[in-house]
Amino acid sequence: MQNIARKTHTINADGQILGRLASRIAALLTGKIKRDYAPNIDGGDFVIVNNVAGVKVTGKKISQKEYKYFSGYPGGLKSVKWETILTKNPKKLLWLAVYRMLPKNRLRSNMIKRLKVQ
């Protein structure tokens, strides 16, 4: 196993757009900004995000966007509005956006563990 040098990046999310911020964080977690990037090696960095409640979205997403999840039972499709999640748990919005941008493979669980949302 090779030794991977990991840096720590601190990002202030206040006033930034959610999708652009999430894609930047996903690139840092996967290690795509490094010269020795390989898709089969988890060579990403640590990311600490502050002031998540001040994140912005464009358009009418704040009132129209919904996050859907399925319980597994018939009729178990649930949906939650973006603004209700923002008031209850703003950390979850950024975490979900970054988690869904990471590659869907065995490395994703280790990548998302290096994300600290404050």
PDB file of N, CA and C in Angstrom:
ATOM      1  N   MET A   1       0.842  -1.182   0.000  1.00  0.00           N
ATOM      2  CA  MET A   1       0.000   0.000   0.000  1.00  0.00           C
ATOM      3  C   MET A   1       0.882   1.239   0.000  1.00  0.00           C
ATOM      4  N   GLN A   2       0.534   2.186  -0.813  1.00  0.00           N
ATOM      5  CA  GLN A   2       1.360   3.374  -0.948  1.00  0.00           C
ATOM      6  C   GLN A   2       0.912   4.457   0.025  1.00  0.00           C
ATOM      7  N   ASN A   3       1.870   5.270   0.450  1.00  0.00           N
ATOM      8  CA  ASN A   3       1.597   6.342   1.384  1.00  0.00           C
ATOM      9  C   ASN A   3       1.038   7.546   0.632  1.00  0.00           C
ATOM     10  N   ILE A   4      -0.111   8.024   1.036  1.00  0.00           N
ATOM     11  CA  ILE A   4      -0.768   9.135   0.350  1.00  0.00           C
ATOM     12  C   ILE A   4      -0.681  10.373   1.240  1.00  0.00           C
ATOM     13  N   ALA A   5      -0.164  11.451   0.687  1.00  0.00           N
ATOM     14  CA  ALA A   5      -0.084  12.711   1.421  1.00  0.00           C
ATOM     15  C   ALA A   5      -1.412  13.443   1.273  1.00  0.00           C
ATOM     16  N   ARG A   6      -2.104  13.629   2.387  1.00  0.00           N
ATOM     17  CA  ARG A   6      -3.409  14.284   2.367  1.00  0.00           C
ATOM     18  C   ARG A   6      -3.302  15.661   3.000  1.00  0.00           C
ATOM     19  N   LYS A   7      -3.846  16.649   2.322  1.00  0.00           N
ATOM     20  CA  LYS A   7      -3.901  18.008   2.850  1.00  0.00           C
ATOM     21  C   LYS A   7      -5.283  18.244   3.459  1.00  0.00           C
ATOM     22  N   THR A   8      -5.403  19.319   4.218  1.00  0.00           N
ATOM     23  CA  THR A   8      -6.689  19.709   4.772  1.00  0.00           C
ATOM     24  C   THR A   8      -7.088  21.050   4.173  1.00  0.00           C
ATOM     25  N   HIS A   9      -8.263  21.095   3.569  1.00  0.00           N
ATOM     26  CA  HIS A   9      -8.784  22.314   2.952  1.00  0.00           C
ATOM     27  C   HIS A   9      -9.944  22.820   3.799  1.00  0.00           C
ATOM     28  N   THR A  10      -9.920  24.105   4.148  1.00  0.00           N
ATOM     29  CA  THR A  10     -11.009  24.727   4.884  1.00  0.00           C
ATOM     30  C   THR A  10     -11.738  25.681   3.950  1.00  0.00           C
ATOM     31  N   ILE A  11     -13.053  25.513   3.835  1.00  0.00           N
ATOM     32  CA  ILE A  11     -13.864  26.289   2.897  1.00  0.00           C
ATOM     33  C   ILE A  11     -14.964  27.008   3.661  1.00  0.00           C
ATOM     34  N   ASN A  12     -15.153  28.286   3.357  1.00  0.00           N
ATOM     35  CA  ASN A  12     -16.249  29.063   3.918  1.00  0.00           C
ATOM     36  C   ASN A  12     -17.404  29.046   2.916  1.00  0.00           C
ATOM     37  N   ALA A  13     -18.532  28.450   3.294  1.00  0.00           N
ATOM     38  CA  ALA A  13     -19.656  28.269   2.376  1.00  0.00           C
ATOM     39  C   ALA A  13     -20.606  29.450   2.348  1.00  0.00           C
ATOM     40  N   ASP A  14     -20.365  30.464   3.134  1.00  0.00           N
ATOM     41  CA  ASP A  14     -21.279  31.591   3.228  1.00  0.00           C
ATOM     42  C   ASP A  14     -21.334  32.357   1.905  1.00  0.00           C
ATOM     43  N   GLY A  15     -22.528  32.429   1.308  1.00  0.00           N
ATOM     44  CA  GLY A  15     -22.732  33.173   0.067  1.00  0.00           C
ATOM     45  C   GLY A  15     -22.368  32.416  -1.195  1.00  0.00           C
ATOM     46  N   GLN A  16     -21.933  31.174  -1.102  1.00  0.00           N
ATOM     47  CA  GLN A  16     -21.575  30.402  -2.293  1.00  0.00           C
ATOM     48  C   GLN A  16     -22.776  29.589  -2.777  1.00  0.00           C
ATOM     49  N   ILE A  17     -22.767  29.260  -4.067  1.00  0.00           N
ATOM     50  CA  ILE A  17     -23.852  28.489  -4.663  1.00  0.00           C
ATOM     51  C   ILE A  17     -23.620  27.007  -4.371  1.00  0.00           C
ATOM     52  N   LEU A  18     -24.690  26.320  -3.979  1.00  0.00           N
ATOM     53  CA  LEU A  18     -24.601  24.948  -3.485  1.00  0.00           C
ATOM     54  C   LEU A  18     -23.957  23.987  -4.472  1.00  0.00           C
ATOM     55  N   GLY A  19     -24.410  23.962  -5.712  1.00  0.00           N
ATOM     56  CA  GLY A  19     -23.915  22.995  -6.683  1.00  0.00           C
ATOM     57  C   GLY A  19     -22.460  23.202  -7.042  1.00  0.00           C
ATOM     58  N   ARG A  20     -22.056  24.450  -7.207  1.00  0.00           N
ATOM     59  CA  ARG A  20     -20.663  24.751  -7.537  1.00  0.00           C
ATOM     60  C   ARG A  20     -19.742  24.405  -6.376  1.00  0.00           C
ATOM     61  N   LEU A  21     -20.205  24.674  -5.165  1.00  0.00           N
ATOM     62  CA  LEU A  21     -19.426  24.342  -3.979  1.00  0.00           C
ATOM     63  C   LEU A  21     -19.301  22.832  -3.825  1.00  0.00           C
ATOM     64  N   ALA A  22     -20.402  22.112  -4.050  1.00  0.00           N
ATOM     65  CA  ALA A  22     -20.391  20.662  -3.899  1.00  0.00           C
ATOM     66  C   ALA A  22     -19.488  19.986  -4.930  1.00  0.00           C
ATOM     67  N   SER A  23     -19.472  20.497  -6.158  1.00  0.00           N
ATOM     68  CA  SER A  23     -18.611  19.888  -7.174  1.00  0.00           C
ATOM     69  C   SER A  23     -17.137  20.150  -6.874  1.00  0.00           C
ATOM     70  N   ARG A  24     -16.843  21.316  -6.302  1.00  0.00           N
ATOM     71  CA  ARG A  24     -15.461  21.619  -5.910  1.00  0.00           C
ATOM     72  C   ARG A  24     -15.008  20.706  -4.769  1.00  0.00           C
ATOM     73  N   ILE A  25     -15.897  20.485  -3.796  1.00  0.00           N
ATOM     74  CA  ILE A  25     -15.581  19.600  -2.676  1.00  0.00           C
ATOM     75  C   ILE A  25     -15.422  18.165  -3.150  1.00  0.00           C
ATOM     76  N   ALA A  26     -16.279  17.712  -4.065  1.00  0.00           N
ATOM     77  CA  ALA A  26     -16.185  16.346  -4.588  1.00  0.00           C
ATOM     78  C   ALA A  26     -14.866  16.126  -5.310  1.00  0.00           C
ATOM     79  N   ALA A  27     -14.381  17.129  -6.033  1.00  0.00           N
ATOM     80  CA  ALA A  27     -13.087  17.005  -6.714  1.00  0.00           C
ATOM     81  C   ALA A  27     -11.952  16.906  -5.710  1.00  0.00           C
ATOM     82  N   LEU A  28     -12.056  17.634  -4.604  1.00  0.00           N
ATOM     83  CA  LEU A  28     -11.025  17.554  -3.568  1.00  0.00           C
ATOM     84  C   LEU A  28     -11.042  16.199  -2.868  1.00  0.00           C
ATOM     85  N   LEU A  29     -12.239  15.670  -2.604  1.00  0.00           N
ATOM     86  CA  LEU A  29     -12.348  14.379  -1.920  1.00  0.00           C
ATOM     87  C   LEU A  29     -11.878  13.211  -2.786  1.00  0.00           C
ATOM     88  N   THR A  30     -12.112  13.285  -4.088  1.00  0.00           N
ATOM     89  CA  THR A  30     -11.691  12.201  -4.972  1.00  0.00           C
ATOM     90  C   THR A  30     -10.216  12.278  -5.323  1.00  0.00           C
ATOM     91  N   GLY A  31      -9.621  13.465  -5.195  1.00  0.00           N
ATOM     92  CA  GLY A  31      -8.212  13.623  -5.537  1.00  0.00           C
ATOM     93  C   GLY A  31      -7.988  13.996  -6.982  1.00  0.00           C
ATOM     94  N   LYS A  32      -9.011  14.457  -7.677  1.00  0.00           N
ATOM     95  CA  LYS A  32      -8.880  14.793  -9.095  1.00  0.00           C
ATOM     96  C   LYS A  32      -8.029  16.034  -9.334  1.00  0.00           C
ATOM     97  N   ILE A  33      -7.759  16.809  -8.300  1.00  0.00           N
ATOM     98  CA  ILE A  33      -6.933  17.995  -8.478  1.00  0.00           C
ATOM     99  C   ILE A  33      -5.441  17.676  -8.381  1.00  0.00           C
ATOM    100  N   LYS A  34      -5.110  16.440  -8.058  1.00  0.00           N
ATOM    101  CA  LYS A  34      -3.710  16.053  -7.898  1.00  0.00           C
ATOM    102  C   LYS A  34      -3.141  15.510  -9.204  1.00  0.00           C
ATOM    103  N   ARG A  35      -1.837  15.596  -9.332  1.00  0.00           N
ATOM    104  CA  ARG A  35      -1.180  15.105 -10.552  1.00  0.00           C
ATOM    105  C   ARG A  35      -1.214  13.589 -10.662  1.00  0.00           C
ATOM    106  N   ASP A  36      -1.122  12.905  -9.541  1.00  0.00           N
ATOM    107  CA  ASP A  36      -1.067  11.442  -9.558  1.00  0.00           C
ATOM    108  C   ASP A  36      -2.441  10.810  -9.337  1.00  0.00           C
ATOM    109  N   TYR A  37      -3.491  11.413  -9.908  1.00  0.00           N
ATOM    110  CA  TYR A  37      -4.855  10.890  -9.753  1.00  0.00           C
ATOM    111  C   TYR A  37      -5.010   9.571 -10.486  1.00  0.00           C
ATOM    112  N   ALA A  38      -5.644   8.626  -9.827  1.00  0.00           N
ATOM    113  CA  ALA A  38      -6.037   7.359 -10.441  1.00  0.00           C
ATOM    114  C   ALA A  38      -7.430   7.019  -9.912  1.00  0.00           C
ATOM    115  N   PRO A  39      -8.355   6.608 -10.768  1.00  0.00           N
ATOM    116  CA  PRO A  39      -9.734   6.379 -10.309  1.00  0.00           C
ATOM    117  C   PRO A  39      -9.871   5.207  -9.337  1.00  0.00           C
ATOM    118  N   ASN A  40      -8.902   4.305  -9.301  1.00  0.00           N
ATOM    119  CA  ASN A  40      -9.018   3.142  -8.422  1.00  0.00           C
ATOM    120  C   ASN A  40      -8.314   3.354  -7.080  1.00  0.00           C
ATOM    121  N   ILE A  41      -7.717   4.536  -6.868  1.00  0.00           N
ATOM    122  CA  ILE A  41      -7.020   4.832  -5.617  1.00  0.00           C
ATOM    123  C   ILE A  41      -7.716   6.003  -4.942  1.00  0.00           C
ATOM    124  N   ASP A  42      -7.960   5.853  -3.649  1.00  0.00           N
ATOM    125  CA  ASP A  42      -8.597   6.910  -2.870  1.00  0.00           C
ATOM    126  C   ASP A  42      -7.510   7.867  -2.388  1.00  0.00           C
ATOM    127  N   GLY A  43      -7.164   8.846  -3.213  1.00  0.00           N
ATOM    128  CA  GLY A  43      -6.074   9.750  -2.898  1.00  0.00           C
ATOM    129  C   GLY A  43      -6.512  11.161  -2.613  1.00  0.00           C
ATOM    130  N   GLY A  44      -7.722  11.353  -2.157  1.00  0.00           N
ATOM    131  CA  GLY A  44      -8.254  12.689  -1.927  1.00  0.00           C
ATOM    132  C   GLY A  44      -7.802  13.307  -0.626  1.00  0.00           C
ATOM    133  N   ASP A  45      -8.201  14.543  -0.405  1.00  0.00           N
ATOM    134  CA  ASP A  45      -7.812  15.312   0.766  1.00  0.00           C
ATOM    135  C   ASP A  45      -8.969  15.422   1.753  1.00  0.00           C
ATOM    136  N   PHE A  46      -8.662  15.980   2.932  1.00  0.00           N
ATOM    137  CA  PHE A  46      -9.683  16.285   3.928  1.00  0.00           C
ATOM    138  C   PHE A  46     -10.290  17.644   3.603  1.00  0.00           C
ATOM    139  N   VAL A  47     -11.594  17.792   3.835  1.00  0.00           N
ATOM    140  CA  VAL A  47     -12.277  19.057   3.564  1.00  0.00           C
ATOM    141  C   VAL A  47     -13.125  19.416   4.777  1.00  0.00           C
ATOM    142  N   ILE A  48     -12.938  20.636   5.275  1.00  0.00           N
ATOM    143  CA  ILE A  48     -13.738  21.176   6.376  1.00  0.00           C
ATOM    144  C   ILE A  48     -14.531  22.353   5.822  1.00  0.00           C
ATOM    145  N   VAL A  49     -15.850  22.335   6.010  1.00  0.00           N
ATOM    146  CA  VAL A  49     -16.716  23.381   5.476  1.00  0.00           C
ATOM    147  C   VAL A  49     -17.387  24.107   6.636  1.00  0.00           C
ATOM    148  N   ASN A  50     -17.257  25.427   6.647  1.00  0.00           N
ATOM    149  CA  ASN A  50     -17.846  26.265   7.694  1.00  0.00           C
ATOM    150  C   ASN A  50     -18.996  27.097   7.115  1.00  0.00           C
ATOM    151  N   ASN A  51     -19.891  27.570   7.979  1.00  0.00           N
ATOM    152  CA  ASN A  51     -21.005  28.465   7.632  1.00  0.00           C
ATOM    153  C   ASN A  51     -21.909  27.890   6.542  1.00  0.00           C
ATOM    154  N   VAL A  52     -22.363  26.685   6.732  1.00  0.00           N
ATOM    155  CA  VAL A  52     -23.184  26.010   5.723  1.00  0.00           C
ATOM    156  C   VAL A  52     -24.574  26.627   5.619  1.00  0.00           C
ATOM    157  N   ALA A  53     -25.059  27.241   6.678  1.00  0.00           N
ATOM    158  CA  ALA A  53     -26.405  27.828   6.643  1.00  0.00           C
ATOM    159  C   ALA A  53     -26.491  29.005   5.677  1.00  0.00           C
ATOM    160  N   GLY A  54     -25.366  29.584   5.288  1.00  0.00           N
ATOM    161  CA  GLY A  54     -25.372  30.725   4.381  1.00  0.00           C
ATOM    162  C   GLY A  54     -25.237  30.360   2.926  1.00  0.00           C
ATOM    163  N   VAL A  55     -25.386  29.093   2.584  1.00  0.00           N
ATOM    164  CA  VAL A  55     -25.262  28.658   1.190  1.00  0.00           C
ATOM    165  C   VAL A  55     -26.468  29.121   0.383  1.00  0.00           C
ATOM    166  N   LYS A  56     -26.269  29.417  -0.902  1.00  0.00           N
ATOM    167  CA  LYS A  56     -27.334  29.930  -1.760  1.00  0.00           C
ATOM    168  C   LYS A  56     -27.682  28.927  -2.856  1.00  0.00           C
ATOM    169  N   VAL A  57     -28.876  29.094  -3.407  1.00  0.00           N
ATOM    170  CA  VAL A  57     -29.278  28.378  -4.612  1.00  0.00           C
ATOM    171  C   VAL A  57     -29.870  29.396  -5.573  1.00  0.00           C
ATOM    172  N   THR A  58     -29.850  29.075  -6.855  1.00  0.00           N
ATOM    173  CA  THR A  58     -30.355  30.000  -7.862  1.00  0.00           C
ATOM    174  C   THR A  58     -31.799  29.654  -8.223  1.00  0.00           C
ATOM    175  N   GLY A  59     -32.497  30.611  -8.761  1.00  0.00           N
ATOM    176  CA  GLY A  59     -33.860  30.388  -9.232  1.00  0.00           C
ATOM    177  C   GLY A  59     -34.845  30.186  -8.098  1.00  0.00           C
ATOM    178  N   LYS A  60     -35.862  29.354  -8.369  1.00  0.00           N
ATOM    179  CA  LYS A  60     -36.925  29.104  -7.391  1.00  0.00           C
ATOM    180  C   LYS A  60     -36.710  27.792  -6.639  1.00  0.00           C
ATOM    181  N   LYS A  61     -35.474  27.300  -6.630  1.00  0.00           N
ATOM    182  CA  LYS A  61     -35.207  26.014  -6.000  1.00  0.00           C
ATOM    183  C   LYS A  61     -35.533  26.011  -4.512  1.00  0.00           C
ATOM    184  N   ILE A  62     -35.369  27.131  -3.850  1.00  0.00           N
ATOM    185  CA  ILE A  62     -35.592  27.175  -2.403  1.00  0.00           C
ATOM    186  C   ILE A  62     -37.030  26.813  -2.034  1.00  0.00           C
ATOM    187  N   SER A  63     -37.985  27.074  -2.915  1.00  0.00           N
ATOM    188  CA  SER A  63     -39.373  26.735  -2.613  1.00  0.00           C
ATOM    189  C   SER A  63     -39.878  25.539  -3.420  1.00  0.00           C
ATOM    190  N   GLN A  64     -39.225  25.184  -4.546  1.00  0.00           N
ATOM    191  CA  GLN A  64     -39.746  24.133  -5.409  1.00  0.00           C
ATOM    192  C   GLN A  64     -38.979  22.817  -5.340  1.00  0.00           C
ATOM    193  N   LYS A  65     -37.679  22.851  -5.020  1.00  0.00           N
ATOM    194  CA  LYS A  65     -36.878  21.635  -5.061  1.00  0.00           C
ATOM    195  C   LYS A  65     -37.277  20.697  -3.931  1.00  0.00           C
ATOM    196  N   GLU A  66     -37.359  19.392  -4.265  1.00  0.00           N
ATOM    197  CA  GLU A  66     -37.719  18.367  -3.290  1.00  0.00           C
ATOM    198  C   GLU A  66     -36.671  17.274  -3.286  1.00  0.00           C
ATOM    199  N   TYR A  67     -36.404  16.738  -2.122  1.00  0.00           N
ATOM    200  CA  TYR A  67     -35.557  15.561  -1.991  1.00  0.00           C
ATOM    201  C   TYR A  67     -36.467  14.379  -1.732  1.00  0.00           C
ATOM    202  N   LYS A  68     -36.360  13.354  -2.575  1.00  0.00           N
ATOM    203  CA  LYS A  68     -37.228  12.194  -2.460  1.00  0.00           C
ATOM    204  C   LYS A  68     -36.438  11.002  -1.944  1.00  0.00           C
ATOM    205  N   TYR A  69     -37.118  10.193  -1.139  1.00  0.00           N
ATOM    206  CA  TYR A  69     -36.517   8.948  -0.670  1.00  0.00           C
ATOM    207  C   TYR A  69     -37.608   7.902  -0.562  1.00  0.00           C
ATOM    208  N   PHE A  70     -37.199   6.642  -0.624  1.00  0.00           N
ATOM    209  CA  PHE A  70     -38.148   5.541  -0.690  1.00  0.00           C
ATOM    210  C   PHE A  70     -37.917   4.616   0.492  1.00  0.00           C
ATOM    211  N   SER A  71     -38.983   4.268   1.212  1.00  0.00           N
ATOM    212  CA  SER A  71     -38.864   3.434   2.401  1.00  0.00           C
ATOM    213  C   SER A  71     -38.720   1.956   2.057  1.00  0.00           C
ATOM    214  N   GLY A  72     -39.090   1.562   0.847  1.00  0.00           N
ATOM    215  CA  GLY A  72     -39.014   0.159   0.471  1.00  0.00           C
ATOM    216  C   GLY A  72     -40.364  -0.530   0.489  1.00  0.00           C
ATOM    217  N   TYR A  73     -41.371   0.123   1.033  1.00  0.00           N
ATOM    218  CA  TYR A  73     -42.715  -0.437   1.090  1.00  0.00           C
ATOM    219  C   TYR A  73     -43.582   0.192   0.009  1.00  0.00           C
ATOM    220  N   PRO A  74     -44.649  -0.504  -0.397  1.00  0.00           N
ATOM    221  CA  PRO A  74     -45.555   0.094  -1.380  1.00  0.00           C
ATOM    222  C   PRO A  74     -46.150   1.400  -0.862  1.00  0.00           C
ATOM    223  N   GLY A  75     -46.119   2.416  -1.682  1.00  0.00           N
ATOM    224  CA  GLY A  75     -46.606   3.730  -1.280  1.00  0.00           C
ATOM    225  C   GLY A  75     -45.658   4.466  -0.350  1.00  0.00           C
ATOM    226  N   GLY A  76     -44.408   4.034  -0.289  1.00  0.00           N
ATOM    227  CA  GLY A  76     -43.460   4.596   0.663  1.00  0.00           C
ATOM    228  C   GLY A  76     -42.556   5.674   0.104  1.00  0.00           C
ATOM    229  N   LEU A  77     -42.962   6.316  -1.000  1.00  0.00           N
ATOM    230  CA  LEU A  77     -42.159   7.407  -1.550  1.00  0.00           C
ATOM    231  C   LEU A  77     -42.454   8.681  -0.772  1.00  0.00           C
ATOM    232  N   LYS A  78     -41.431   9.224  -0.134  1.00  0.00           N
ATOM    233  CA  LYS A  78     -41.585  10.426   0.671  1.00  0.00           C
ATOM    234  C   LYS A  78     -40.813  11.560   0.001  1.00  0.00           C
ATOM    235  N   SER A  79     -41.234  12.782   0.247  1.00  0.00           N
ATOM    236  CA  SER A  79     -40.513  13.928  -0.293  1.00  0.00           C
ATOM    237  C   SER A  79     -40.487  15.050   0.742  1.00  0.00           C
ATOM    238  N   VAL A  80     -39.369  15.773   0.760  1.00  0.00           N
ATOM    239  CA  VAL A  80     -39.172  16.870   1.699  1.00  0.00           C
ATOM    240  C   VAL A  80     -38.720  18.084   0.897  1.00  0.00           C
ATOM    241  N   LYS A  81     -39.291  19.254   1.171  1.00  0.00           N
ATOM    242  CA  LYS A  81     -38.911  20.488   0.482  1.00  0.00           C
ATOM    243  C   LYS A  81     -37.519  20.939   0.932  1.00  0.00           C
ATOM    244  N   TRP A  82     -36.853  21.663   0.040  1.00  0.00           N
ATOM    245  CA  TRP A  82     -35.505  22.157   0.283  1.00  0.00           C
ATOM    246  C   TRP A  82     -35.473  23.107   1.470  1.00  0.00           C
ATOM    247  N   GLU A  83     -36.472  23.983   1.566  1.00  0.00           N
ATOM    248  CA  GLU A  83     -36.450  24.985   2.633  1.00  0.00           C
ATOM    249  C   GLU A  83     -36.683  24.378   4.011  1.00  0.00           C
ATOM    250  N   THR A  84     -37.416  23.268   4.101  1.00  0.00           N
ATOM    251  CA  THR A  84     -37.598  22.632   5.406  1.00  0.00           C
ATOM    252  C   THR A  84     -36.303  21.975   5.880  1.00  0.00           C
ATOM    253  N   ILE A  85     -35.552  21.389   4.960  1.00  0.00           N
ATOM    254  CA  ILE A  85     -34.261  20.814   5.337  1.00  0.00           C
ATOM    255  C   ILE A  85     -33.291  21.926   5.722  1.00  0.00           C
ATOM    256  N   LEU A  86     -33.364  23.062   5.017  1.00  0.00           N
ATOM    257  CA  LEU A  86     -32.482  24.189   5.317  1.00  0.00           C
ATOM    258  C   LEU A  86     -32.722  24.723   6.721  1.00  0.00           C
ATOM    259  N   THR A  87     -33.973  24.758   7.162  1.00  0.00           N
ATOM    260  CA  THR A  87     -34.253  25.263   8.502  1.00  0.00           C
ATOM    261  C   THR A  87     -33.915  24.237   9.580  1.00  0.00           C
ATOM    262  N   LYS A  88     -34.166  22.959   9.317  1.00  0.00           N
ATOM    263  CA  LYS A  88     -33.918  21.931  10.327  1.00  0.00           C
ATOM    264  C   LYS A  88     -32.450  21.532  10.407  1.00  0.00           C
ATOM    265  N   ASN A  89     -31.831  21.215   9.264  1.00  0.00           N
ATOM    266  CA  ASN A  89     -30.466  20.706   9.261  1.00  0.00           C
ATOM    267  C   ASN A  89     -29.749  21.139   7.985  1.00  0.00           C
ATOM    268  N   PRO A  90     -29.157  22.323   7.943  1.00  0.00           N
ATOM    269  CA  PRO A  90     -28.500  22.785   6.721  1.00  0.00           C
ATOM    270  C   PRO A  90     -27.263  21.974   6.351  1.00  0.00           C
ATOM    271  N   LYS A  91     -26.661  21.288   7.327  1.00  0.00           N
ATOM    272  CA  LYS A  91     -25.484  20.461   7.038  1.00  0.00           C
ATOM    273  C   LYS A  91     -25.847  19.303   6.105  1.00  0.00           C
ATOM    274  N   LYS A  92     -27.062  18.807   6.246  1.00  0.00           N
ATOM    275  CA  LYS A  92     -27.495  17.666   5.449  1.00  0.00           C
ATOM    276  C   LYS A  92     -27.601  18.012   3.964  1.00  0.00           C
ATOM    277  N   LEU A  93     -27.967  19.255   3.644  1.00  0.00           N
ATOM    278  CA  LEU A  93     -28.087  19.674   2.250  1.00  0.00           C
ATOM    279  C   LEU A  93     -26.754  19.574   1.530  1.00  0.00           C
ATOM    280  N   LEU A  94     -25.718  20.111   2.133  1.00  0.00           N
ATOM    281  CA  LEU A  94     -24.394  20.055   1.512  1.00  0.00           C
ATOM    282  C   LEU A  94     -23.883  18.626   1.480  1.00  0.00           C
ATOM    283  N   TRP A  95     -24.108  17.876   2.555  1.00  0.00           N
ATOM    284  CA  TRP A  95     -23.647  16.491   2.609  1.00  0.00           C
ATOM    285  C   TRP A  95     -24.294  15.666   1.499  1.00  0.00           C
ATOM    286  N   LEU A  96     -25.597  15.832   1.295  1.00  0.00           N
ATOM    287  CA  LEU A  96     -26.300  15.091   0.241  1.00  0.00           C
ATOM    288  C   LEU A  96     -25.799  15.473  -1.143  1.00  0.00           C
ATOM    289  N   ALA A  97     -25.570  16.766  -1.367  1.00  0.00           N
ATOM    290  CA  ALA A  97     -25.105  17.222  -2.675  1.00  0.00           C
ATOM    291  C   ALA A  97     -23.730  16.650  -2.991  1.00  0.00           C
ATOM    292  N   VAL A  98     -22.826  16.654  -2.007  1.00  0.00           N
ATOM    293  CA  VAL A  98     -21.480  16.112  -2.228  1.00  0.00           C
ATOM    294  C   VAL A  98     -21.539  14.597  -2.373  1.00  0.00           C
ATOM    295  N   TYR A  99     -22.306  13.931  -1.530  1.00  0.00           N
ATOM    296  CA  TYR A  99     -22.402  12.467  -1.553  1.00  0.00           C
ATOM    297  C   TYR A  99     -22.899  11.958  -2.903  1.00  0.00           C
ATOM    298  N   ARG A 100     -23.869  12.658  -3.481  1.00  0.00           N
ATOM    299  CA  ARG A 100     -24.419  12.221  -4.769  1.00  0.00           C
ATOM    300  C   ARG A 100     -23.505  12.562  -5.942  1.00  0.00           C
ATOM    301  N   MET A 101     -22.502  13.440  -5.736  1.00  0.00           N
ATOM    302  CA  MET A 101     -21.543  13.765  -6.790  1.00  0.00           C
ATOM    303  C   MET A 101     -20.320  12.850  -6.779  1.00  0.00           C
ATOM    304  N   LEU A 102     -20.120  12.121  -5.698  1.00  0.00           N
ATOM    305  CA  LEU A 102     -18.974  11.211  -5.627  1.00  0.00           C
ATOM    306  C   LEU A 102     -19.249   9.972  -6.471  1.00  0.00           C
ATOM    307  N   PRO A 103     -18.204   9.267  -6.922  1.00  0.00           N
ATOM    308  CA  PRO A 103     -18.415   8.062  -7.730  1.00  0.00           C
ATOM    309  C   PRO A 103     -19.134   6.984  -6.924  1.00  0.00           C
ATOM    310  N   LYS A 104     -20.025   6.281  -7.591  1.00  0.00           N
ATOM    311  CA  LYS A 104     -20.819   5.257  -6.923  1.00  0.00           C
ATOM    312  C   LYS A 104     -20.052   3.937  -6.941  1.00  0.00           C
ATOM    313  N   ASN A 105     -19.071   3.802  -6.064  1.00  0.00           N
ATOM    314  CA  ASN A 105     -18.279   2.580  -5.981  1.00  0.00           C
ATOM    315  C   ASN A 105     -17.861   2.352  -4.535  1.00  0.00           C
ATOM    316  N   ARG A 106     -16.942   1.422  -4.309  1.00  0.00           N
ATOM    317  CA  ARG A 106     -16.544   1.062  -2.946  1.00  0.00           C
ATOM    318  C   ARG A 106     -15.734   2.147  -2.250  1.00  0.00           C
ATOM    319  N   LEU A 107     -15.212   3.085  -2.988  1.00  0.00           N
ATOM    320  CA  LEU A 107     -14.388   4.131  -2.400  1.00  0.00           C
ATOM    321  C   LEU A 107     -15.215   5.277  -1.821  1.00  0.00           C
ATOM    322  N   ARG A 108     -16.495   5.361  -2.200  1.00  0.00           N
ATOM    323  CA  ARG A 108     -17.316   6.510  -1.813  1.00  0.00           C
ATOM    324  C   ARG A 108     -17.462   6.636  -0.303  1.00  0.00           C
ATOM    325  N   SER A 109     -17.621   5.547   0.417  1.00  0.00           N
ATOM    326  CA  SER A 109     -17.824   5.643   1.863  1.00  0.00           C
ATOM    327  C   SER A 109     -16.595   6.197   2.567  1.00  0.00           C
ATOM    328  N   ASN A 110     -15.403   5.849   2.101  1.00  0.00           N
ATOM    329  CA  ASN A 110     -14.184   6.399   2.701  1.00  0.00           C
ATOM    330  C   ASN A 110     -13.981   7.860   2.315  1.00  0.00           C
ATOM    331  N   MET A 111     -14.394   8.244   1.112  1.00  0.00           N
ATOM    332  CA  MET A 111     -14.250   9.623   0.674  1.00  0.00           C
ATOM    333  C   MET A 111     -15.131  10.550   1.498  1.00  0.00           C
ATOM    334  N   ILE A 112     -16.384  10.149   1.718  1.00  0.00           N
ATOM    335  CA  ILE A 112     -17.323  11.020   2.414  1.00  0.00           C
ATOM    336  C   ILE A 112     -16.976  11.149   3.902  1.00  0.00           C
ATOM    337  N   LYS A 113     -16.226  10.193   4.438  1.00  0.00           N
ATOM    338  CA  LYS A 113     -15.802  10.287   5.836  1.00  0.00           C
ATOM    339  C   LYS A 113     -14.794  11.405   6.055  1.00  0.00           C
ATOM    340  N   ARG A 114     -14.109  11.830   4.984  1.00  0.00           N
ATOM    341  CA  ARG A 114     -13.131  12.897   5.098  1.00  0.00           C
ATOM    342  C   ARG A 114     -13.758  14.281   4.957  1.00  0.00           C
ATOM    343  N   LEU A 115     -15.074  14.353   4.818  1.00  0.00           N
ATOM    344  CA  LEU A 115     -15.791  15.627   4.750  1.00  0.00           C
ATOM    345  C   LEU A 115     -16.348  15.966   6.129  1.00  0.00           C
ATOM    346  N   LYS A 116     -15.959  17.113   6.656  1.00  0.00           N
ATOM    347  CA  LYS A 116     -16.463  17.595   7.942  1.00  0.00           C
ATOM    348  C   LYS A 116     -17.261  18.858   7.697  1.00  0.00           C
ATOM    349  N   VAL A 117     -18.554  18.817   7.965  1.00  0.00           N
ATOM    350  CA  VAL A 117     -19.437  19.962   7.745  1.00  0.00           C
ATOM    351  C   VAL A 117     -19.747  20.578   9.108  1.00  0.00           C
ATOM    352  N   GLN A 118     -19.454  21.877   9.261  1.00  0.00           N
ATOM    353  CA  GLN A 118     -19.664  22.545  10.542  1.00  0.00           C
ATOM    354  C   GLN A 118     -20.655  23.671  10.410  1.00  0.00           C
TER     355      GLN A 118
END
